[in-house]
Amino acid sequence: MAGDIRLVRARREHVPAIARLLADDEIAVDREDADDEEAYRQAFDAVDADPRQLQVAGLVGDEPVVTLQIVFIPGLSRRGALRAQLEAVRVAEPLRGTGIGTAVFQWAIEYARERGATLLQLSTDRRRAEAHHFYERLGFVDSHLGFKLEL
């Protein structure tokens, strides 16, 4: 099934489907509202206009069934390393466990390398035990404790 997915730069017409993917998650369901299309379109426009960000849509036919955002962060630490941050990775529920997630992460890892990133990082909710095992199988290391402050 992973071979049937085309990864593309997301387009504005993909936004409603991406919003549904973001909302179809037991943890994110309380903070997402896929019906608020204007909010997602405005956010998409900001991401799409930023050359350090890429919103990805994984398509089966013309329908987004995967999404992720990659943000490139230049910095002084690590001798001026460029970091890549993965955000909001989602695979449509019926396709989970089919190898698509692995294929998408392998693509993201290679994309980050090609762009010159020396570190690929992500944060994940503590309640996502299955996701933690998945990330570890891909070589990610649970190395830091993260904090967030709602503003």
Protein backbone atom coordinates (compact mmCIF):
# COMPACT_ATOMS: atom_id res chain seq x y z
CA MET A 1 0.00 0.00 0.00
CA ALA A 2 2.85 2.41 0.76
CA GLY A 3 3.75 2.44 -2.92
CA ASP A 4 0.28 3.76 -3.78
CA ILE A 5 0.85 7.02 -1.87
CA ARG A 6 2.19 10.07 -3.71
CA LEU A 7 3.84 12.61 -1.41
CA VAL A 8 3.40 16.16 -2.68
CA ARG A 9 3.62 19.71 -1.43
CA ALA A 10 0.14 20.27 -0.06
CA ARG A 11 -2.09 22.64 -1.98
CA ARG A 12 -4.85 24.87 -0.69
CA GLU A 13 -7.53 22.50 -1.96
CA HIS A 14 -6.06 19.77 0.31
CA VAL A 15 -6.69 21.83 3.46
CA PRO A 16 -10.18 20.47 4.34
CA ALA A 17 -8.95 16.87 4.12
CA ILE A 18 -5.80 17.71 6.10
CA ALA A 19 -7.96 19.33 8.80
CA ARG A 20 -10.04 16.15 8.98
CA LEU A 21 -6.86 14.06 9.36
CA LEU A 22 -5.70 16.32 12.19
CA ALA A 23 -9.05 16.05 13.95
CA ASP A 24 -9.29 12.24 13.54
CA ASP A 25 -7.11 11.62 16.56
CA GLU A 26 -8.16 10.70 20.08
CA ILE A 27 -5.74 13.17 21.66
CA ALA A 28 -6.08 16.08 19.22
CA VAL A 29 -9.86 15.84 18.88
CA ASP A 30 -10.43 18.44 21.61
CA ARG A 31 -8.12 21.03 20.04
CA GLU A 32 -9.07 20.60 16.37
CA ASP A 33 -12.24 21.69 14.59
CA ALA A 34 -12.17 20.54 10.98
CA ASP A 35 -15.29 22.61 10.28
CA ASP A 36 -13.36 25.85 10.84
CA GLU A 37 -11.94 25.77 7.31
CA GLU A 38 -11.01 29.46 7.27
CA ALA A 39 -8.67 29.09 10.25
CA TYR A 40 -6.92 26.15 8.60
CA ARG A 41 -6.69 27.96 5.24
CA GLN A 42 -5.10 31.01 6.89
CA ALA A 43 -2.60 28.81 8.71
CA PHE A 44 -1.87 26.90 5.52
CA ASP A 45 -1.22 30.13 3.63
CA ALA A 46 1.32 31.18 6.28
CA VAL A 47 3.07 27.80 6.21
CA ASP A 48 3.06 27.65 2.42
CA ALA A 49 4.56 31.15 2.11
CA ASP A 50 7.45 30.30 4.45
CA PRO A 51 10.45 28.84 2.56
CA ARG A 52 11.57 27.03 5.75
CA GLN A 53 8.37 25.03 5.98
CA LEU A 54 6.75 22.32 3.93
CA GLN A 55 3.25 20.97 4.41
CA VAL A 56 3.09 17.52 2.85
CA ALA A 57 0.03 15.69 1.61
CA GLY A 58 0.17 11.97 0.93
CA LEU A 59 -2.35 11.27 -1.78
CA VAL A 60 -4.23 8.19 -2.89
CA GLY A 61 -5.64 9.39 -6.16
CA ASP A 62 -6.46 13.02 -5.35
CA GLU A 63 -7.41 12.41 -1.70
CA PRO A 64 -5.00 13.30 1.13
CA VAL A 65 -4.63 10.29 3.45
CA VAL A 66 -1.37 11.40 5.09
CA THR A 67 -0.10 14.75 6.24
CA LEU A 68 2.95 16.14 7.96
CA GLN A 69 4.69 19.46 8.32
CA ILE A 70 8.46 19.91 8.23
CA VAL A 71 9.95 23.07 9.70
CA PHE A 72 13.63 23.90 9.21
CA ILE A 73 15.16 25.78 12.14
CA PRO A 74 18.56 27.42 11.77
CA GLY A 75 20.42 27.94 15.01
CA LEU A 76 23.71 28.64 16.67
CA SER A 77 23.78 25.55 18.87
CA ARG A 78 25.53 22.41 17.66
CA ARG A 79 27.99 24.66 15.77
CA GLY A 80 25.28 26.28 13.68
CA ALA A 81 23.30 23.15 12.91
CA LEU A 82 20.14 23.23 10.86
CA ARG A 83 17.39 21.27 12.60
CA ALA A 84 14.31 19.82 11.00
CA GLN A 85 11.18 19.57 13.13
CA LEU A 86 8.32 17.23 12.23
CA GLU A 87 4.87 18.41 13.21
CA ALA A 88 1.33 17.06 13.01
CA VAL A 89 2.07 13.73 11.36
CA ARG A 90 -1.16 11.89 10.62
CA VAL A 91 -2.11 8.79 8.66
CA ALA A 92 -5.78 8.10 7.91
CA GLU A 93 -7.10 5.56 10.39
CA PRO A 94 -7.88 2.75 7.89
CA LEU A 95 -4.28 2.89 6.60
CA ARG A 96 -2.48 2.74 9.94
CA GLY A 97 -0.35 -0.37 10.33
CA THR A 98 0.12 -0.83 6.57
CA GLY A 99 3.70 0.47 6.34
CA ILE A 100 2.70 3.91 5.11
CA GLY A 101 3.96 5.62 8.25
CA THR A 102 7.38 4.00 7.88
CA ALA A 103 7.59 4.99 4.22
CA VAL A 104 6.56 8.58 5.00
CA PHE A 105 9.11 8.88 7.80
CA GLN A 106 11.86 7.45 5.59
CA TRP A 107 10.98 10.08 3.00
CA ALA A 108 11.00 12.86 5.64
CA ILE A 109 14.38 11.72 6.99
CA GLU A 110 15.92 11.77 3.53
CA TYR A 111 14.29 15.11 2.66
CA ALA A 112 15.73 16.67 5.83
CA ARG A 113 19.19 15.27 5.04
CA GLU A 114 19.05 16.59 1.48
CA ARG A 115 18.18 20.07 2.82
CA GLY A 116 21.26 19.99 5.07
CA ALA A 117 19.63 19.27 8.42
CA THR A 118 21.86 17.49 10.91
CA LEU A 119 19.07 16.66 13.35
CA LEU A 120 15.46 15.60 12.83
CA GLN A 121 13.31 16.08 15.89
CA LEU A 122 9.70 15.73 16.88
CA SER A 123 7.63 15.94 19.99
CA THR A 124 4.91 13.51 20.89
CA ASP A 125 2.28 13.32 23.56
CA ARG A 126 3.26 11.11 26.48
CA ARG A 127 0.04 9.11 26.00
CA ARG A 128 1.09 7.86 22.54
CA ALA A 129 2.90 4.68 23.63
CA GLU A 130 2.48 2.97 20.24
CA ALA A 131 3.87 6.03 18.45
CA HIS A 132 6.86 6.08 20.82
CA HIS A 133 7.71 2.48 19.91
CA PHE A 134 7.29 3.33 16.22
CA TYR A 135 9.70 6.29 16.49
CA GLU A 136 12.25 4.19 18.36
CA ARG A 137 12.10 1.50 15.64
CA LEU A 138 12.97 4.24 13.14
CA GLY A 139 16.03 5.25 15.18
CA PHE A 140 14.65 8.22 17.11
CA VAL A 141 15.93 8.51 20.67
CA ASP A 142 13.89 9.65 23.66
CA SER A 143 16.50 12.19 24.73
CA HIS A 144 14.71 15.27 26.04
CA LEU A 145 11.84 16.32 28.22
CA GLY A 146 9.61 18.95 26.63
CA PHE A 147 7.46 21.63 28.18
CA LYS A 148 4.64 23.69 26.68
CA LEU A 149 2.87 26.82 27.83
CA GLU A 150 -0.57 27.58 26.40
CA LEU A 151 -0.71 31.28 25.44
